[in-house]
Amino acid sequence: MAKSRSMVTFAVMSVFFVAMGIGTITPAIQSIADAFPDVAFSTLLLVSTLPSLLIIPATLFSGAMAGTKIGYRPLLLVALILFLAGGVAPAFLNNFTTILLSRAVFGIGIGLLSPLGNALVLGLFEGQERANMLGLGGVVMNLGGIAFQMLGGFLAAISWRYAFLAHGLAVISLLVVLFLLPEPEKVEVPAGPKATMPLAVYVISLLFGIAMMLNYPMLVNMSTIIISGNLGTAASAGMVLSMFTVGGMVAGSIFGKLHQIVQRFTISVGLTITALGMALVYYANSLLTLTVGTTGVGIGFGLVMPAVMMILGTIVPPHAFAIASGILMAVMNAFAFLSTYYIEFIARVTGEPAIKSPIFIALCAYVAAVVIYTLANLKSPAKPSAPGASEEGK
């Protein structure tokens, strides 16, 4: 490679940095609702959830085309341009429909970008350096999520429009990719019939998608909980929500050691911490309690996700792992989108705004999941992890 390893590393990390930019405007939800009082709250939540719907086809397209039919760099440049254009545009728009169209463009951009960070690592690095880069990518991705969300929260405290300007951070990644990122070698697809994906992959993806739907009301309603409860401002919501990402970073740093200790009960531990976090958020009457609870949910979910990835690694061959994880991510984003209608359904059933009630439902669901999963694993013999799975999970 003509470019130095440090420059290549920096370029690849710049891709990971923007991968969690989807949460940028969640601290501004209540401020946006105040700016569009005639828009139903369930419809308004599409500002946050619509990108998740567009991520699904974009992610599948990107994963299938990157490095085989389309180069990584051209695809990344298109993705980052769509990320920037769709992300920033709502700051200058007054019509809610056009804002949603911009969010759809943003969703396509982040969907194209999502699978490319790990793919670049696999294409540019080998051996232990590859494993180290995957771990570093996870940390940088969470740091990016914190940066986007906190900046979005602080800007939303000035104006809901300014929250969208936070997406402008991606211009740094665009320039870095343009000037520093080398193109990995083209991937050769082996000939032969395609293997059928095991049913378990779809079952696991469905369950993980439901977990995402349970978490989403806490994330999108946090600004409403804080502002309506006189606990803080949109900036406070940005700080609290960023702790979900901090929790994910903590989980990533302890996952390997924890998995060595508790083995197949790692998911039980993660679900327990998630349930405790949800309980704190539901019963919170202070900003501190909300912060601790949100961090707990982030830690718990951050432990469950790599554990689920390791399970996928035991049921599919290595060459099919990328496809299986792509299915998981697609289902996860589908349920993130459906969370808007899930919240609306709860509101209709209860006859009142579904602000905290979905959090209580999530709490109950996670407690039930802990009991069911733990009992099921107590009755089943331990299964060895797939070769290399532990490296993926770290």
Protein backbone atom coordinates (compact mmCIF):
# COMPACT_ATOMS: atom_id res chain seq x y z
CA MET A 1 0.00 0.00 0.00
CA ALA A 2 1.31 3.40 -0.94
CA LYS A 3 -0.29 5.12 2.02
CA SER A 4 1.11 4.62 5.53
CA ARG A 5 -0.65 2.24 7.93
CA SER A 6 -1.50 5.08 10.30
CA MET A 7 -3.19 7.03 7.49
CA VAL A 8 -5.12 3.96 6.38
CA THR A 9 -6.17 3.26 9.96
CA PHE A 10 -7.35 6.86 10.37
CA ALA A 11 -9.32 6.64 7.12
CA VAL A 12 -11.04 3.40 8.09
CA MET A 13 -11.85 4.73 11.57
CA SER A 14 -13.45 7.80 9.98
CA VAL A 15 -15.99 5.43 8.41
CA PHE A 16 -16.78 3.86 11.78
CA PHE A 17 -17.10 7.33 13.32
CA VAL A 18 -20.22 8.23 11.32
CA ALA A 19 -21.87 4.78 11.46
CA MET A 20 -24.02 5.68 14.50
CA GLY A 21 -25.08 9.10 13.26
CA ILE A 22 -28.69 7.92 13.10
CA GLY A 23 -29.26 8.97 16.73
CA THR A 24 -28.19 12.59 16.20
CA ILE A 25 -31.63 14.21 16.44
CA THR A 26 -33.26 12.05 19.13
CA PRO A 27 -32.59 14.74 21.79
CA ALA A 28 -34.53 17.21 19.61
CA ILE A 29 -37.74 15.17 19.24
CA GLN A 30 -39.76 17.24 21.70
CA SER A 31 -38.45 20.50 20.22
CA ILE A 32 -39.46 19.32 16.73
CA ALA A 33 -42.88 18.33 18.11
CA ASP A 34 -43.31 21.84 19.51
CA ALA A 35 -42.42 23.30 16.08
CA PHE A 36 -45.07 21.14 14.34
CA PRO A 37 -48.02 21.06 16.76
CA ASP A 38 -50.47 19.99 14.04
CA VAL A 39 -48.52 16.80 13.28
CA ALA A 40 -49.57 13.73 15.27
CA PHE A 41 -46.81 12.64 17.63
CA SER A 42 -46.72 9.13 16.15
CA THR A 43 -46.22 10.66 12.69
CA LEU A 44 -43.63 13.06 14.02
CA LEU A 45 -41.57 10.14 15.35
CA LEU A 46 -40.99 9.16 11.71
CA VAL A 47 -38.31 11.86 11.73
CA SER A 48 -36.33 9.46 13.91
CA THR A 49 -37.55 6.08 12.67
CA LEU A 50 -38.01 6.55 8.89
CA PRO A 51 -34.25 6.34 8.23
CA SER A 52 -34.28 2.88 9.86
CA LEU A 53 -36.72 1.68 7.19
CA LEU A 54 -34.54 2.92 4.32
CA ILE A 55 -31.42 1.49 5.95
CA ILE A 56 -32.74 -2.04 5.32
CA PRO A 57 -32.60 -2.20 1.48
CA ALA A 58 -29.58 0.10 1.38
CA THR A 59 -27.61 -2.14 3.75
CA LEU A 60 -28.47 -5.29 1.79
CA PHE A 61 -27.52 -3.57 -1.49
CA SER A 62 -24.24 -2.26 -0.10
CA GLY A 63 -23.26 -5.60 1.42
CA ALA A 64 -23.92 -7.42 -1.85
CA MET A 65 -22.17 -4.91 -4.13
CA ALA A 66 -19.24 -3.51 -2.15
CA GLY A 67 -15.88 -4.80 -3.35
CA THR A 68 -17.39 -7.06 -5.99
CA LYS A 69 -19.39 -4.97 -8.45
CA ILE A 70 -18.81 -1.50 -6.98
CA GLY A 71 -15.59 -0.24 -5.39
CA TYR A 72 -15.56 0.56 -1.67
CA ARG A 73 -14.41 4.16 -2.16
CA PRO A 74 -17.06 5.16 -4.74
CA LEU A 75 -19.79 3.55 -2.63
CA LEU A 76 -18.52 5.28 0.52
CA LEU A 77 -18.36 8.67 -1.19
CA VAL A 78 -21.96 8.32 -2.41
CA ALA A 79 -23.05 7.16 1.06
CA LEU A 80 -21.38 10.11 2.81
CA ILE A 81 -22.80 12.65 0.33
CA LEU A 82 -26.32 11.27 0.93
CA PHE A 83 -25.64 11.25 4.70
CA LEU A 84 -24.63 14.92 4.60
CA ALA A 85 -27.32 16.13 2.19
CA GLY A 86 -30.21 14.27 3.80
CA GLY A 87 -28.93 14.91 7.32
CA VAL A 88 -28.40 18.66 7.08
CA ALA A 89 -31.24 19.62 4.70
CA PRO A 90 -34.10 19.65 7.32
CA ALA A 91 -32.40 22.61 9.03
CA PHE A 92 -33.47 24.71 6.03
CA LEU A 93 -36.94 23.21 5.42
CA ASN A 94 -40.35 24.28 6.75
CA ASN A 95 -42.59 21.57 5.30
CA PHE A 96 -42.78 18.37 7.37
CA THR A 97 -43.22 16.15 4.29
CA THR A 98 -40.03 17.44 2.70
CA ILE A 99 -38.25 16.95 6.02
CA LEU A 100 -39.31 13.30 5.94
CA LEU A 101 -38.07 12.98 2.36
CA SER A 102 -34.71 14.32 3.48
CA ARG A 103 -34.64 11.83 6.32
CA ALA A 104 -35.29 9.06 3.78
CA VAL A 105 -32.24 10.20 1.79
CA PHE A 106 -30.25 10.23 5.01
CA GLY A 107 -31.41 6.68 5.78
CA ILE A 108 -30.22 5.46 2.38
CA GLY A 109 -26.84 7.09 2.99
CA ILE A 110 -26.31 5.56 6.41
CA GLY A 111 -27.60 2.21 5.13
CA LEU A 112 -25.03 2.17 2.32
CA LEU A 113 -22.34 3.09 4.81
CA SER A 114 -23.24 0.68 7.64
CA PRO A 115 -21.60 -2.56 6.42
CA LEU A 116 -18.53 -0.90 4.91
CA GLY A 117 -16.44 -0.30 8.04
CA ASN A 118 -16.06 -3.99 8.89
CA ALA A 119 -15.74 -4.85 5.19
CA LEU A 120 -12.83 -2.41 4.84
CA VAL A 121 -11.10 -3.95 7.86
CA LEU A 122 -11.46 -7.42 6.34
CA GLY A 123 -10.14 -6.17 3.00
CA LEU A 124 -7.18 -4.11 4.27
CA PHE A 125 -5.92 -5.94 7.38
CA GLU A 126 -5.03 -9.50 8.32
CA GLY A 127 -4.47 -11.68 11.39
CA GLN A 128 -4.26 -10.05 14.82
CA GLU A 129 -4.12 -6.59 13.24
CA ARG A 130 -7.55 -7.29 11.75
CA ALA A 131 -8.94 -8.31 15.16
CA ASN A 132 -7.44 -5.20 16.78
CA MET A 133 -8.95 -2.99 14.10
CA LEU A 134 -12.39 -4.52 14.55
CA GLY A 135 -12.21 -3.82 18.28
CA LEU A 136 -10.96 -0.28 17.71
CA GLY A 137 -13.73 0.25 15.14
CA GLY A 138 -16.36 -0.61 17.75
CA VAL A 139 -14.93 1.94 20.17
CA VAL A 140 -14.69 4.67 17.50
CA MET A 141 -18.24 3.91 16.33
CA ASN A 142 -19.56 4.47 19.85
CA LEU A 143 -17.47 7.61 20.27
CA GLY A 144 -18.98 8.91 17.04
CA GLY A 145 -22.46 8.12 18.32
CA ILE A 146 -21.73 10.11 21.48
CA ALA A 147 -20.31 13.05 19.53
CA PHE A 148 -23.26 13.23 17.11
CA GLN A 149 -25.88 12.83 19.85
CA MET A 150 -24.35 15.30 22.31
CA LEU A 151 -23.79 17.89 19.58
CA GLY A 152 -27.36 17.34 18.38
CA GLY A 153 -28.65 17.88 21.91
CA PHE A 154 -26.66 21.05 22.51
CA LEU A 155 -27.70 22.53 19.16
CA ALA A 156 -31.34 21.52 19.74
CA ALA A 157 -31.31 23.58 22.93
CA ILE A 158 -30.78 26.62 20.67
CA SER A 159 -33.17 25.57 17.88
CA TRP A 160 -34.59 22.30 16.58
CA ARG A 161 -33.20 23.27 13.16
CA TYR A 162 -29.63 23.43 14.43
CA ALA A 163 -29.80 19.80 15.64
CA PHE A 164 -29.76 18.67 11.99
CA LEU A 165 -26.59 20.68 11.36
CA ALA A 166 -24.72 18.25 13.62
CA HIS A 167 -24.71 15.80 10.70
CA GLY A 168 -22.20 18.17 9.11
CA LEU A 169 -19.49 16.40 11.14
CA ALA A 170 -19.54 13.79 8.37
CA VAL A 171 -17.77 16.21 6.02
CA ILE A 172 -14.56 15.25 7.85
CA SER A 173 -15.09 11.59 6.99
CA LEU A 174 -15.92 12.53 3.40
CA LEU A 175 -12.61 14.38 2.96
CA VAL A 176 -10.61 11.65 4.70
CA VAL A 177 -12.12 8.91 2.51
CA LEU A 178 -11.56 11.02 -0.60
CA PHE A 179 -7.87 11.66 0.04
CA LEU A 180 -6.58 8.94 2.39
CA LEU A 181 -8.53 5.71 1.89
CA PRO A 182 -7.02 3.12 -0.49
CA GLU A 183 -9.26 0.76 -2.44
CA PRO A 184 -9.06 -2.85 -1.15
CA GLU A 185 -8.53 -5.64 -3.64
CA LYS A 186 -11.64 -6.87 -5.43
CA VAL A 187 -13.37 -9.77 -3.69
CA GLU A 188 -13.71 -12.95 -5.74
CA VAL A 189 -17.06 -14.67 -5.12
CA PRO A 190 -16.65 -18.48 -5.10
CA ALA A 191 -18.65 -20.39 -7.71
CA GLY A 192 -21.25 -22.99 -6.79
CA PRO A 193 -24.79 -23.12 -5.40
CA LYS A 194 -25.68 -20.85 -2.54
CA ALA A 195 -26.26 -22.51 0.84
CA THR A 196 -29.64 -22.14 2.50
CA MET A 197 -29.64 -19.87 5.54
CA PRO A 198 -30.62 -21.81 8.70
CA LEU A 199 -34.06 -21.03 10.16
CA ALA A 200 -32.36 -20.21 13.48
CA VAL A 201 -30.82 -17.10 11.87
CA TYR A 202 -34.26 -15.71 11.15
CA VAL A 203 -35.59 -16.65 14.61
CA ILE A 204 -32.64 -14.96 16.32
CA SER A 205 -33.02 -11.92 14.07
CA LEU A 206 -36.73 -11.69 14.91
CA LEU A 207 -36.08 -11.85 18.66
CA PHE A 208 -33.30 -9.28 18.40
CA GLY A 209 -35.56 -7.04 16.32
CA ILE A 210 -38.23 -7.21 19.03
CA ALA A 211 -35.58 -6.20 21.59
CA MET A 212 -34.73 -3.18 19.44
CA MET A 213 -38.42 -2.24 19.25
CA LEU A 214 -38.63 -2.47 23.06
CA ASN A 215 -35.63 -0.16 23.44
CA TYR A 216 -36.64 2.48 20.91
CA PRO A 217 -39.45 4.15 22.90
CA MET A 218 -36.97 4.92 25.68
CA LEU A 219 -34.63 6.57 23.16
CA VAL A 220 -37.16 8.61 21.16
CA ASN A 221 -39.21 9.63 24.21
CA MET A 222 -36.28 10.66 26.40
CA SER A 223 -36.43 14.35 25.45
CA THR A 224 -40.17 14.36 26.20
CA ILE A 225 -39.63 12.64 29.57
CA ILE A 226 -36.96 15.18 30.55
CA ILE A 227 -38.59 18.35 29.25
CA SER A 228 -42.19 17.55 30.28
CA GLY A 229 -40.95 16.44 33.71
CA ASN A 230 -38.98 19.68 34.15
CA LEU A 231 -35.82 17.63 34.63
CA GLY A 232 -33.74 19.48 32.04
CA THR A 233 -33.51 20.71 28.45
CA ALA A 234 -32.88 19.20 25.03
CA ALA A 235 -29.17 19.47 25.82
CA SER A 236 -29.79 17.37 28.94
CA ALA A 237 -31.56 14.80 26.79
CA GLY A 238 -28.54 14.69 24.50
CA MET A 239 -26.24 13.99 27.45
CA VAL A 240 -28.52 11.31 28.88
CA LEU A 241 -28.98 9.60 25.52
CA SER A 242 -25.24 9.68 24.87
CA MET A 243 -24.85 7.53 28.00
CA PHE A 244 -26.63 4.71 26.15
CA THR A 245 -23.68 4.75 23.76
CA VAL A 246 -21.19 5.07 26.64
CA GLY A 247 -22.81 1.97 28.11
CA GLY A 248 -22.21 0.18 24.82
CA MET A 249 -18.53 1.14 25.01
CA VAL A 250 -18.28 -0.19 28.56
CA ALA A 251 -19.94 -3.42 27.45
CA GLY A 252 -17.49 -3.80 24.58
CA SER A 253 -14.52 -3.39 26.91
CA ILE A 254 -15.71 -6.05 29.38
CA PHE A 255 -17.43 -8.49 27.02
CA GLY A 256 -14.45 -10.76 26.37
CA LYS A 257 -13.59 -11.24 30.06
CA LEU A 258 -17.23 -11.56 31.09
CA HIS A 259 -17.85 -14.21 28.45
CA GLN A 260 -14.88 -16.20 29.74
CA ILE A 261 -16.44 -16.21 33.21
CA VAL A 262 -20.15 -16.77 32.56
CA GLN A 263 -19.96 -18.47 29.13
CA ARG A 264 -23.44 -19.17 27.71
CA PHE A 265 -25.10 -17.06 30.42
CA THR A 266 -23.65 -13.84 29.00
CA ILE A 267 -27.01 -13.03 27.43
CA SER A 268 -28.72 -13.63 30.78
CA VAL A 269 -26.38 -11.10 32.40
CA GLY A 270 -26.97 -8.61 29.59
CA LEU A 271 -30.75 -8.98 29.77
CA THR A 272 -30.68 -8.56 33.56
CA ILE A 273 -28.68 -5.32 33.34
CA THR A 274 -31.01 -4.08 30.58
CA ALA A 275 -34.07 -4.82 32.75
CA LEU A 276 -32.53 -2.99 35.72
CA GLY A 277 -31.75 -0.01 33.48
CA MET A 278 -35.32 0.08 32.17
CA ALA A 279 -36.62 -0.01 35.75
CA LEU A 280 -34.50 3.00 36.69
CA VAL A 281 -35.67 4.95 33.63
CA TYR A 282 -39.33 4.10 34.30
CA TYR A 283 -39.28 5.07 37.98
CA ALA A 284 -36.79 7.96 37.62
CA ASN A 285 -37.66 11.35 39.09
CA SER A 286 -34.25 12.94 38.56
CA LEU A 287 -31.79 13.47 35.73
CA LEU A 288 -29.17 11.41 37.58
CA THR A 289 -31.44 8.37 37.82
CA LEU A 290 -32.34 8.67 34.13
CA THR A 291 -28.64 8.85 33.27
CA VAL A 292 -27.76 5.76 35.32
CA GLY A 293 -30.73 3.86 33.89
CA THR A 294 -29.91 4.76 30.29
CA THR A 295 -26.29 3.74 30.83
CA GLY A 296 -27.49 0.41 32.25
CA VAL A 297 -29.64 -0.26 29.19
CA GLY A 298 -26.66 0.57 26.98
CA ILE A 299 -24.39 -1.82 28.89
CA GLY A 300 -26.96 -4.63 28.87
CA PHE A 301 -27.79 -4.29 25.19
CA GLY A 302 -24.08 -3.90 24.41
CA LEU A 303 -23.43 -7.29 26.04
CA VAL A 304 -26.33 -9.01 24.31
CA MET A 305 -25.40 -7.90 20.78
CA PRO A 306 -21.90 -9.48 20.52
CA ALA A 307 -23.19 -12.56 22.34
CA VAL A 308 -25.88 -12.92 19.68
CA MET A 309 -23.24 -12.45 16.97
CA MET A 310 -21.23 -15.27 18.53
CA ILE A 311 -24.29 -17.52 18.44
CA LEU A 312 -24.71 -16.72 14.76
CA GLY A 313 -21.09 -17.75 14.30
CA THR A 314 -21.89 -21.22 15.65
CA ILE A 315 -24.80 -21.89 13.29
CA VAL A 316 -23.52 -20.58 9.94
CA PRO A 317 -20.27 -21.30 8.06
CA PRO A 318 -17.65 -18.50 8.04
CA HIS A 319 -18.38 -17.44 4.44
CA ALA A 320 -22.07 -16.94 5.29
CA PHE A 321 -21.53 -14.94 8.49
CA ALA A 322 -21.63 -11.55 6.74
CA ILE A 323 -24.95 -12.43 5.12
CA ALA A 324 -26.38 -13.69 8.42
CA SER A 325 -25.29 -10.55 10.28
CA GLY A 326 -26.75 -8.47 7.44
CA ILE A 327 -30.10 -10.20 7.91
CA LEU A 328 -29.89 -9.47 11.65
CA MET A 329 -29.17 -5.78 11.04
CA ALA A 330 -31.94 -5.50 8.45
CA VAL A 331 -34.53 -7.03 10.80
CA MET A 332 -33.26 -4.84 13.65
CA ASN A 333 -33.79 -1.68 11.61
CA ALA A 334 -37.21 -2.90 10.41
CA PHE A 335 -38.36 -3.18 14.01
CA ALA A 336 -36.81 0.19 14.83
CA PHE A 337 -39.09 1.65 12.16
CA LEU A 338 -42.11 -0.32 13.44
CA SER A 339 -41.53 1.11 16.92
CA THR A 340 -43.40 4.26 15.83
CA TYR A 341 -46.57 2.24 15.27
CA TYR A 342 -45.90 0.15 18.37
CA ILE A 343 -45.90 3.36 20.43
CA GLU A 344 -49.08 4.54 18.68
CA PHE A 345 -50.77 1.18 19.40
CA ILE A 346 -49.95 1.44 23.11
CA ALA A 347 -51.33 4.99 23.17
CA ARG A 348 -54.61 3.81 21.64
CA VAL A 349 -54.91 0.91 24.07
CA THR A 350 -54.15 3.00 27.17
CA GLY A 351 -55.97 6.12 25.97
CA GLU A 352 -53.06 8.38 26.91
CA PRO A 353 -49.71 9.42 25.37
CA ALA A 354 -47.36 6.43 25.33
CA ILE A 355 -44.38 8.11 26.95
CA LYS A 356 -43.44 5.86 29.87
CA SER A 357 -45.84 2.94 29.42
CA PRO A 358 -43.74 1.34 26.63
CA ILE A 359 -40.76 1.47 28.99
CA PHE A 360 -42.71 -0.49 31.60
CA ILE A 361 -43.67 -3.05 28.95
CA ALA A 362 -39.98 -3.34 28.00
CA LEU A 363 -39.08 -3.85 31.65
CA CYS A 364 -41.58 -6.70 32.00
CA ALA A 365 -40.49 -8.26 28.70
CA TYR A 366 -36.81 -8.23 29.66
CA VAL A 367 -37.53 -9.78 33.07
CA ALA A 368 -39.48 -12.55 31.33
CA ALA A 369 -36.66 -13.00 28.80
CA VAL A 370 -34.08 -13.37 31.60
CA VAL A 371 -36.12 -16.13 33.26
CA ILE A 372 -36.88 -18.00 30.02
CA TYR A 373 -33.37 -17.80 28.56
CA THR A 374 -31.65 -18.74 31.83
CA LEU A 375 -33.91 -21.72 32.48
CA ALA A 376 -33.46 -22.91 28.89
CA ASN A 377 -29.67 -22.78 29.23
CA LEU A 378 -29.69 -24.50 32.61
CA LYS A 379 -31.41 -27.46 30.99
CA SER A 380 -29.17 -27.59 27.90
CA PRO A 381 -25.50 -28.64 27.81
CA ALA A 382 -22.86 -26.02 27.14
CA LYS A 383 -21.92 -25.58 23.49
CA PRO A 384 -18.45 -24.55 22.37
CA SER A 385 -18.08 -21.26 20.55
CA ALA A 386 -17.33 -21.25 16.85
CA PRO A 387 -13.71 -20.80 15.90
CA GLY A 388 -12.88 -17.13 15.77
CA ALA A 389 -16.24 -16.12 17.25
CA SER A 390 -14.71 -14.76 20.38
CA GLU A 391 -12.65 -12.38 18.32
CA GLU A 392 -15.78 -11.13 16.59
CA GLY A 393 -17.46 -10.55 19.88
CA LYS A 394 -14.69 -8.64 21.52
